[in-house]
Structure formats: structure tokens, C-alpha cells
Amino acid sequence: MSETKKPFSQVLRSPGDFLKQVIGQAVLVRLNSGAEYQGRLVCLDGYMNIALEQAEEWIDGVRHRTYGDAFIRGNNGT
């Protein structure tokens, strides 16, 4: 019997596995407070702490600050 392969989008993965695949790419991180951070994902750990490069802080659609690097605690994300 031949094995049916699922399309990439249907393969069950953990959020951490997905994020590891997008390291080095531009991401948007939305916090529980509603603030958003856009930047390039540098790394993450088992607690879902995230490090971004070239990060920008956006609140209510308005850019407030620009950072070289930003560290976001995993329990702050939505």
C-alpha cells in the first residue's frame, strides 16, 4: 500500500517547530497588550522567548520606536 503524503500546510507541527523554520525571516509579534513588534527573527528558546533584529514597535498602527535588537518574553505574546 502506498503512503499518502500530506501537503506541507496539513502536517501537524508545534508552534516552536514552525518558528524554527522562519528564523532569519521578517515576522510580526503581537503582545497581549496589543503592541506589535516587526523585525527579523533571530532565535527562540523552549519558553518561546523571541529575539528580533531590526525591530520596530507599533501601537495602534503607528510606529513608536525602532530598536536594533529586541527580546520578547514568551509569556507576553498572543
PDB file of N, CA and C in Angstrom:
ATOM      1  N   MET A   1       0.847  -1.175   0.000  1.00  0.00           N
ATOM      2  CA  MET A   1       0.000   0.000   0.000  1.00  0.00           C
ATOM      3  C   MET A   1       0.892   1.236   0.000  1.00  0.00           C
ATOM      4  N   SER A   2       0.592   2.177  -0.866  1.00  0.00           N
ATOM      5  CA  SER A   2       1.422   3.377  -0.942  1.00  0.00           C
ATOM      6  C   SER A   2       1.034   4.359   0.159  1.00  0.00           C
ATOM      7  N   GLU A   3       2.021   5.070   0.629  1.00  0.00           N
ATOM      8  CA  GLU A   3       1.812   6.058   1.687  1.00  0.00           C
ATOM      9  C   GLU A   3       1.423   7.389   1.062  1.00  0.00           C
ATOM     10  N   THR A   4       0.356   7.985   1.554  1.00  0.00           N
ATOM     11  CA  THR A   4      -0.100   9.276   1.053  1.00  0.00           C
ATOM     12  C   THR A   4       0.576  10.378   1.845  1.00  0.00           C
ATOM     13  N   LYS A   5       1.211  11.287   1.150  1.00  0.00           N
ATOM     14  CA  LYS A   5       1.871  12.403   1.822  1.00  0.00           C
ATOM     15  C   LYS A   5       0.927  13.584   1.880  1.00  0.00           C
ATOM     16  N   LYS A   6       0.893  14.225   3.043  1.00  0.00           N
ATOM     17  CA  LYS A   6       0.049  15.400   3.222  1.00  0.00           C
ATOM     18  C   LYS A   6       0.774  16.629   2.690  1.00  0.00           C
ATOM     19  N   PRO A   7       0.014  17.580   2.166  1.00  0.00           N
ATOM     20  CA  PRO A   7       0.646  18.851   1.779  1.00  0.00           C
ATOM     21  C   PRO A   7       1.300  19.487   2.998  1.00  0.00           C
ATOM     22  N   PHE A   8       2.319  20.302   2.757  1.00  0.00           N
ATOM     23  CA  PHE A   8       3.084  20.933   3.836  1.00  0.00           C
ATOM     24  C   PHE A   8       2.172  21.635   4.827  1.00  0.00           C
ATOM     25  N   SER A   9       1.121  22.292   4.343  1.00  0.00           N
ATOM     26  CA  SER A   9       0.241  23.063   5.218  1.00  0.00           C
ATOM     27  C   SER A   9      -0.599  22.175   6.131  1.00  0.00           C
ATOM     28  N   GLN A  10      -0.727  20.888   5.825  1.00  0.00           N
ATOM     29  CA  GLN A  10      -1.548  20.000   6.631  1.00  0.00           C
ATOM     30  C   GLN A  10      -0.746  19.166   7.614  1.00  0.00           C
ATOM     31  N   VAL A  11       0.560  19.250   7.589  1.00  0.00           N
ATOM     32  CA  VAL A  11       1.389  18.489   8.510  1.00  0.00           C
ATOM     33  C   VAL A  11       1.292  19.139   9.881  1.00  0.00           C
ATOM     34  N   LEU A  12       0.954  18.342  10.903  1.00  0.00           N
ATOM     35  CA  LEU A  12       0.843  18.888  12.254  1.00  0.00           C
ATOM     36  C   LEU A  12       2.229  19.188  12.806  1.00  0.00           C
ATOM     37  N   ARG A  13       2.383  20.419  13.298  1.00  0.00           N
ATOM     38  CA  ARG A  13       3.667  20.845  13.858  1.00  0.00           C
ATOM     39  C   ARG A  13       3.382  21.657  15.105  1.00  0.00           C
ATOM     40  N   SER A  14       4.370  21.738  15.974  1.00  0.00           N
ATOM     41  CA  SER A  14       4.238  22.607  17.138  1.00  0.00           C
ATOM     42  C   SER A  14       4.579  24.030  16.714  1.00  0.00           C
ATOM     43  N   PRO A  15       4.115  25.028  17.468  1.00  0.00           N
ATOM     44  CA  PRO A  15       4.477  26.419  17.138  1.00  0.00           C
ATOM     45  C   PRO A  15       5.991  26.625  17.106  1.00  0.00           C
ATOM     46  N   GLY A  16       6.705  25.972  18.022  1.00  0.00           N
ATOM     47  CA  GLY A  16       8.160  26.101  18.042  1.00  0.00           C
ATOM     48  C   GLY A  16       8.802  25.564  16.780  1.00  0.00           C
ATOM     49  N   ASP A  17       8.295  24.433  16.284  1.00  0.00           N
ATOM     50  CA  ASP A  17       8.825  23.864  15.039  1.00  0.00           C
ATOM     51  C   ASP A  17       8.603  24.819  13.872  1.00  0.00           C
ATOM     52  N   PHE A  18       7.411  25.413  13.823  1.00  0.00           N
ATOM     53  CA  PHE A  18       7.125  26.368  12.757  1.00  0.00           C
ATOM     54  C   PHE A  18       8.063  27.564  12.848  1.00  0.00           C
ATOM     55  N   LEU A  19       8.220  28.125  14.046  1.00  0.00           N
ATOM     56  CA  LEU A  19       9.063  29.316  14.199  1.00  0.00           C
ATOM     57  C   LEU A  19      10.514  29.028  13.842  1.00  0.00           C
ATOM     58  N   LYS A  20      11.001  27.833  14.145  1.00  0.00           N
ATOM     59  CA  LYS A  20      12.378  27.481  13.783  1.00  0.00           C
ATOM     60  C   LYS A  20      12.562  27.507  12.267  1.00  0.00           C
ATOM     61  N   GLN A  21      11.493  27.231  11.525  1.00  0.00           N
ATOM     62  CA  GLN A  21      11.586  27.242  10.067  1.00  0.00           C
ATOM     63  C   GLN A  21      11.638  28.655   9.501  1.00  0.00           C
ATOM     64  N   VAL A  22      11.188  29.645  10.264  1.00  0.00           N
ATOM     65  CA  VAL A  22      11.175  31.015   9.746  1.00  0.00           C
ATOM     66  C   VAL A  22      12.271  31.885  10.360  1.00  0.00           C
ATOM     67  N   ILE A  23      13.226  31.277  11.061  1.00  0.00           N
ATOM     68  CA  ILE A  23      14.361  32.041  11.588  1.00  0.00           C
ATOM     69  C   ILE A  23      15.071  32.717  10.420  1.00  0.00           C
ATOM     70  N   GLY A  24      15.367  33.990  10.600  1.00  0.00           N
ATOM     71  CA  GLY A  24      16.018  34.774   9.557  1.00  0.00           C
ATOM     72  C   GLY A  24      15.037  35.540   8.683  1.00  0.00           C
ATOM     73  N   GLN A  25      13.750  35.281   8.845  1.00  0.00           N
ATOM     74  CA  GLN A  25      12.738  35.955   8.035  1.00  0.00           C
ATOM     75  C   GLN A  25      12.038  37.050   8.838  1.00  0.00           C
ATOM     76  N   ALA A  26      11.377  37.940   8.129  1.00  0.00           N
ATOM     77  CA  ALA A  26      10.619  39.018   8.768  1.00  0.00           C
ATOM     78  C   ALA A  26       9.376  38.433   9.423  1.00  0.00           C
ATOM     79  N   VAL A  27       9.123  38.845  10.669  1.00  0.00           N
ATOM     80  CA  VAL A  27       7.958  38.368  11.417  1.00  0.00           C
ATOM     81  C   VAL A  27       7.281  39.535  12.115  1.00  0.00           C
ATOM     82  N   LEU A  28       6.046  39.310  12.519  1.00  0.00           N
ATOM     83  CA  LEU A  28       5.301  40.259  13.333  1.00  0.00           C
ATOM     84  C   LEU A  28       4.893  39.520  14.600  1.00  0.00           C
ATOM     85  N   VAL A  29       5.209  40.101  15.764  1.00  0.00           N
ATOM     86  CA  VAL A  29       4.859  39.507  17.053  1.00  0.00           C
ATOM     87  C   VAL A  29       3.868  40.434  17.731  1.00  0.00           C
ATOM     88  N   ARG A  30       2.689  39.914  18.044  1.00  0.00           N
ATOM     89  CA  ARG A  30       1.656  40.715  18.714  1.00  0.00           C
ATOM     90  C   ARG A  30       1.644  40.342  20.194  1.00  0.00           C
ATOM     91  N   LEU A  31       1.753  41.355  21.062  1.00  0.00           N
ATOM     92  CA  LEU A  31       1.764  41.123  22.500  1.00  0.00           C
ATOM     93  C   LEU A  31       0.353  41.143  23.071  1.00  0.00           C
ATOM     94  N   ASN A  32       0.218  40.618  24.291  1.00  0.00           N
ATOM     95  CA  ASN A  32      -1.069  40.643  24.986  1.00  0.00           C
ATOM     96  C   ASN A  32      -1.579  42.070  25.137  1.00  0.00           C
ATOM     97  N   SER A  33      -0.681  43.035  25.241  1.00  0.00           N
ATOM     98  CA  SER A  33      -1.053  44.443  25.415  1.00  0.00           C
ATOM     99  C   SER A  33      -1.609  45.068  24.133  1.00  0.00           C
ATOM    100  N   GLY A  34      -1.440  44.387  23.006  1.00  0.00           N
ATOM    101  CA  GLY A  34      -1.882  44.920  21.724  1.00  0.00           C
ATOM    102  C   GLY A  34      -0.746  45.520  20.910  1.00  0.00           C
ATOM    103  N   ALA A  35       0.385  45.794  21.545  1.00  0.00           N
ATOM    104  CA  ALA A  35       1.552  46.307  20.817  1.00  0.00           C
ATOM    105  C   ALA A  35       2.062  45.225  19.866  1.00  0.00           C
ATOM    106  N   GLU A  36       2.632  45.652  18.751  1.00  0.00           N
ATOM    107  CA  GLU A  36       3.191  44.727  17.775  1.00  0.00           C
ATOM    108  C   GLU A  36       4.653  45.069  17.537  1.00  0.00           C
ATOM    109  N   TYR A  37       5.451  44.043  17.333  1.00  0.00           N
ATOM    110  CA  TYR A  37       6.864  44.212  17.008  1.00  0.00           C
ATOM    111  C   TYR A  37       7.122  43.530  15.680  1.00  0.00           C
ATOM    112  N   GLN A  38       7.719  44.263  14.766  1.00  0.00           N
ATOM    113  CA  GLN A  38       8.105  43.717  13.474  1.00  0.00           C
ATOM    114  C   GLN A  38       9.619  43.695  13.423  1.00  0.00           C
ATOM    115  N   GLY A  39      10.166  42.628  12.886  1.00  0.00           N
ATOM    116  CA  GLY A  39      11.609  42.522  12.757  1.00  0.00           C
ATOM    117  C   GLY A  39      11.981  41.174  12.182  1.00  0.00           C
ATOM    118  N   ARG A  40      13.278  40.916  12.136  1.00  0.00           N
ATOM    119  CA  ARG A  40      13.771  39.637  11.625  1.00  0.00           C
ATOM    120  C   ARG A  40      14.004  38.705  12.800  1.00  0.00           C
ATOM    121  N   LEU A  41      13.393  37.529  12.753  1.00  0.00           N
ATOM    122  CA  LEU A  41      13.520  36.548  13.825  1.00  0.00           C
ATOM    123  C   LEU A  41      14.942  36.006  13.860  1.00  0.00           C
ATOM    124  N   VAL A  42      15.596  36.177  15.012  1.00  0.00           N
ATOM    125  CA  VAL A  42      16.976  35.713  15.162  1.00  0.00           C
ATOM    126  C   VAL A  42      17.006  34.356  15.844  1.00  0.00           C
ATOM    127  N   CYS A  43      16.278  34.219  16.949  1.00  0.00           N
ATOM    128  CA  CYS A  43      16.258  32.945  17.659  1.00  0.00           C
ATOM    129  C   CYS A  43      15.085  32.894  18.623  1.00  0.00           C
ATOM    130  N   LEU A  44      14.810  31.688  19.099  1.00  0.00           N
ATOM    131  CA  LEU A  44      13.810  31.484  20.130  1.00  0.00           C
ATOM    132  C   LEU A  44      14.241  30.293  20.964  1.00  0.00           C
ATOM    133  N   ASP A  45      13.659  30.187  22.170  1.00  0.00           N
ATOM    134  CA  ASP A  45      14.016  29.072  23.038  1.00  0.00           C
ATOM    135  C   ASP A  45      12.773  28.265  23.396  1.00  0.00           C
ATOM    136  N   GLY A  46      12.940  27.296  24.277  1.00  0.00           N
ATOM    137  CA  GLY A  46      11.848  26.424  24.672  1.00  0.00           C
ATOM    138  C   GLY A  46      10.721  27.119  25.406  1.00  0.00           C
ATOM    139  N   TYR A  47      10.976  28.303  25.923  1.00  0.00           N
ATOM    140  CA  TYR A  47       9.944  29.089  26.607  1.00  0.00           C
ATOM    141  C   TYR A  47       9.248  30.053  25.648  1.00  0.00           C
ATOM    142  N   MET A  48       9.580  29.964  24.374  1.00  0.00           N
ATOM    143  CA  MET A  48       9.041  30.843  23.329  1.00  0.00           C
ATOM    144  C   MET A  48       9.502  32.292  23.493  1.00  0.00           C
ATOM    145  N   ASN A  49      10.618  32.502  24.193  1.00  0.00           N
ATOM    146  CA  ASN A  49      11.242  33.821  24.199  1.00  0.00           C
ATOM    147  C   ASN A  49      11.780  34.052  22.797  1.00  0.00           C
ATOM    148  N   ILE A  50      11.630  35.268  22.305  1.00  0.00           N
ATOM    149  CA  ILE A  50      11.964  35.574  20.915  1.00  0.00           C
ATOM    150  C   ILE A  50      12.954  36.725  20.858  1.00  0.00           C
ATOM    151  N   ALA A  51      13.955  36.605  20.018  1.00  0.00           N
ATOM    152  CA  ALA A  51      14.894  37.699  19.755  1.00  0.00           C
ATOM    153  C   ALA A  51      14.699  38.163  18.315  1.00  0.00           C
ATOM    154  N   LEU A  52      14.570  39.488  18.150  1.00  0.00           N
ATOM    155  CA  LEU A  52      14.402  40.093  16.833  1.00  0.00           C
ATOM    156  C   LEU A  52      15.546  41.054  16.551  1.00  0.00           C
ATOM    157  N   GLU A  53      15.924  41.164  15.297  1.00  0.00           N
ATOM    158  CA  GLU A  53      16.847  42.201  14.829  1.00  0.00           C
ATOM    159  C   GLU A  53      16.047  43.202  14.014  1.00  0.00           C
ATOM    160  N   GLN A  54      16.545  44.422  13.934  1.00  0.00           N
ATOM    161  CA  GLN A  54      15.894  45.488  13.157  1.00  0.00           C
ATOM    162  C   GLN A  54      14.419  45.598  13.551  1.00  0.00           C
ATOM    163  N   ALA A  55      14.173  45.610  14.861  1.00  0.00           N
ATOM    164  CA  ALA A  55      12.803  45.584  15.377  1.00  0.00           C
ATOM    165  C   ALA A  55      12.177  46.975  15.405  1.00  0.00           C
ATOM    166  N   GLU A  56      10.887  47.006  15.133  1.00  0.00           N
ATOM    167  CA  GLU A  56      10.090  48.232  15.227  1.00  0.00           C
ATOM    168  C   GLU A  56       8.893  47.946  16.118  1.00  0.00           C
ATOM    169  N   GLU A  57       8.575  48.893  16.993  1.00  0.00           N
ATOM    170  CA  GLU A  57       7.409  48.769  17.864  1.00  0.00           C
ATOM    171  C   GLU A  57       6.254  49.554  17.262  1.00  0.00           C
ATOM    172  N   TRP A  58       5.107  48.910  17.078  1.00  0.00           N
ATOM    173  CA  TRP A  58       3.916  49.531  16.505  1.00  0.00           C
ATOM    174  C   TRP A  58       2.785  49.448  17.524  1.00  0.00           C
ATOM    175  N   ILE A  59       2.131  50.566  17.773  1.00  0.00           N
ATOM    176  CA  ILE A  59       0.975  50.614  18.669  1.00  0.00           C
ATOM    177  C   ILE A  59      -0.152  51.311  17.927  1.00  0.00           C
ATOM    178  N   ASP A  60      -1.290  50.644  17.839  1.00  0.00           N
ATOM    179  CA  ASP A  60      -2.456  51.176  17.125  1.00  0.00           C
ATOM    180  C   ASP A  60      -2.107  51.607  15.700  1.00  0.00           C
ATOM    181  N   GLY A  61      -1.256  50.824  15.039  1.00  0.00           N
ATOM    182  CA  GLY A  61      -0.906  51.102  13.651  1.00  0.00           C
ATOM    183  C   GLY A  61       0.103  52.208  13.444  1.00  0.00           C
ATOM    184  N   VAL A  62       0.668  52.740  14.545  1.00  0.00           N
ATOM    185  CA  VAL A  62       1.638  53.833  14.459  1.00  0.00           C
ATOM    186  C   VAL A  62       2.981  53.331  14.990  1.00  0.00           C
ATOM    187  N   ARG A  63       4.049  53.555  14.204  1.00  0.00           N
ATOM    188  CA  ARG A  63       5.380  53.146  14.663  1.00  0.00           C
ATOM    189  C   ARG A  63       5.835  54.093  15.765  1.00  0.00           C
ATOM    190  N   HIS A  64       6.168  53.517  16.934  1.00  0.00           N
ATOM    191  CA  HIS A  64       6.590  54.323  18.075  1.00  0.00           C
ATOM    192  C   HIS A  64       8.104  54.331  18.254  1.00  0.00           C
ATOM    193  N   ARG A  65       8.727  53.179  18.109  1.00  0.00           N
ATOM    194  CA  ARG A  65      10.170  53.101  18.343  1.00  0.00           C
ATOM    195  C   ARG A  65      10.808  52.130  17.360  1.00  0.00           C
ATOM    196  N   THR A  66      12.100  52.340  17.159  1.00  0.00           N
ATOM    197  CA  THR A  66      12.902  51.421  16.357  1.00  0.00           C
ATOM    198  C   THR A  66      14.056  50.949  17.222  1.00  0.00           C
ATOM    199  N   TYR A  67      14.294  49.651  17.222  1.00  0.00           N
ATOM    200  CA  TYR A  67      15.359  49.050  18.022  1.00  0.00           C
ATOM    201  C   TYR A  67      16.308  48.291  17.102  1.00  0.00           C
ATOM    202  N   GLY A  68      17.563  48.228  17.488  1.00  0.00           N
ATOM    203  CA  GLY A  68      18.487  47.362  16.767  1.00  0.00           C
ATOM    204  C   GLY A  68      18.144  45.909  17.042  1.00  0.00           C
ATOM    205  N   ASP A  69      17.973  45.595  18.325  1.00  0.00           N
ATOM    206  CA  ASP A  69      17.620  44.250  18.766  1.00  0.00           C
ATOM    207  C   ASP A  69      16.502  44.353  19.791  1.00  0.00           C
ATOM    208  N   ALA A  70      15.657  43.348  19.845  1.00  0.00           N
ATOM    209  CA  ALA A  70      14.585  43.312  20.842  1.00  0.00           C
ATOM    210  C   ALA A  70      14.439  41.880  21.340  1.00  0.00           C
ATOM    211  N   PHE A  71      14.197  41.750  22.642  1.00  0.00           N
ATOM    212  CA  PHE A  71      13.965  40.451  23.265  1.00  0.00           C
ATOM    213  C   PHE A  71      12.552  40.461  23.830  1.00  0.00           C
ATOM    214  N   ILE A  72      11.748  39.497  23.445  1.00  0.00           N
ATOM    215  CA  ILE A  72      10.352  39.434  23.873  1.00  0.00           C
ATOM    216  C   ILE A  72      10.142  38.146  24.654  1.00  0.00           C
ATOM    217  N   ARG A  73       9.687  38.295  25.891  1.00  0.00           N
ATOM    218  CA  ARG A  73       9.410  37.122  26.726  1.00  0.00           C
ATOM    219  C   ARG A  73       8.236  36.348  26.151  1.00  0.00           C
ATOM    220  N   GLY A  74       8.366  35.041  26.176  1.00  0.00           N
ATOM    221  CA  GLY A  74       7.349  34.184  25.582  1.00  0.00           C
ATOM    222  C   GLY A  74       5.965  34.328  26.173  1.00  0.00           C
ATOM    223  N   ASN A  75       5.865  34.676  27.451  1.00  0.00           N
ATOM    224  CA  ASN A  75       4.538  34.773  28.058  1.00  0.00           C
ATOM    225  C   ASN A  75       3.840  36.087  27.726  1.00  0.00           C
ATOM    226  N   ASN A  76       4.468  36.968  26.947  1.00  0.00           N
ATOM    227  CA  ASN A  76       3.850  38.231  26.543  1.00  0.00           C
ATOM    228  C   ASN A  76       3.148  38.141  25.200  1.00  0.00           C
ATOM    229  N   GLY A  77       3.452  37.119  24.429  1.00  0.00           N
ATOM    230  CA  GLY A  77       2.872  37.007  23.090  1.00  0.00           C
ATOM    231  C   GLY A  77       1.476  36.413  23.117  1.00  0.00           C
ATOM    232  N   THR A  78       0.711  36.723  22.065  1.00  0.00           N
ATOM    233  CA  THR A  78      -0.645  36.158  21.990  1.00  0.00           C
ATOM    234  C   THR A  78      -0.664  34.952  21.086  1.00  0.00           C
TER     235      THR A  78
END
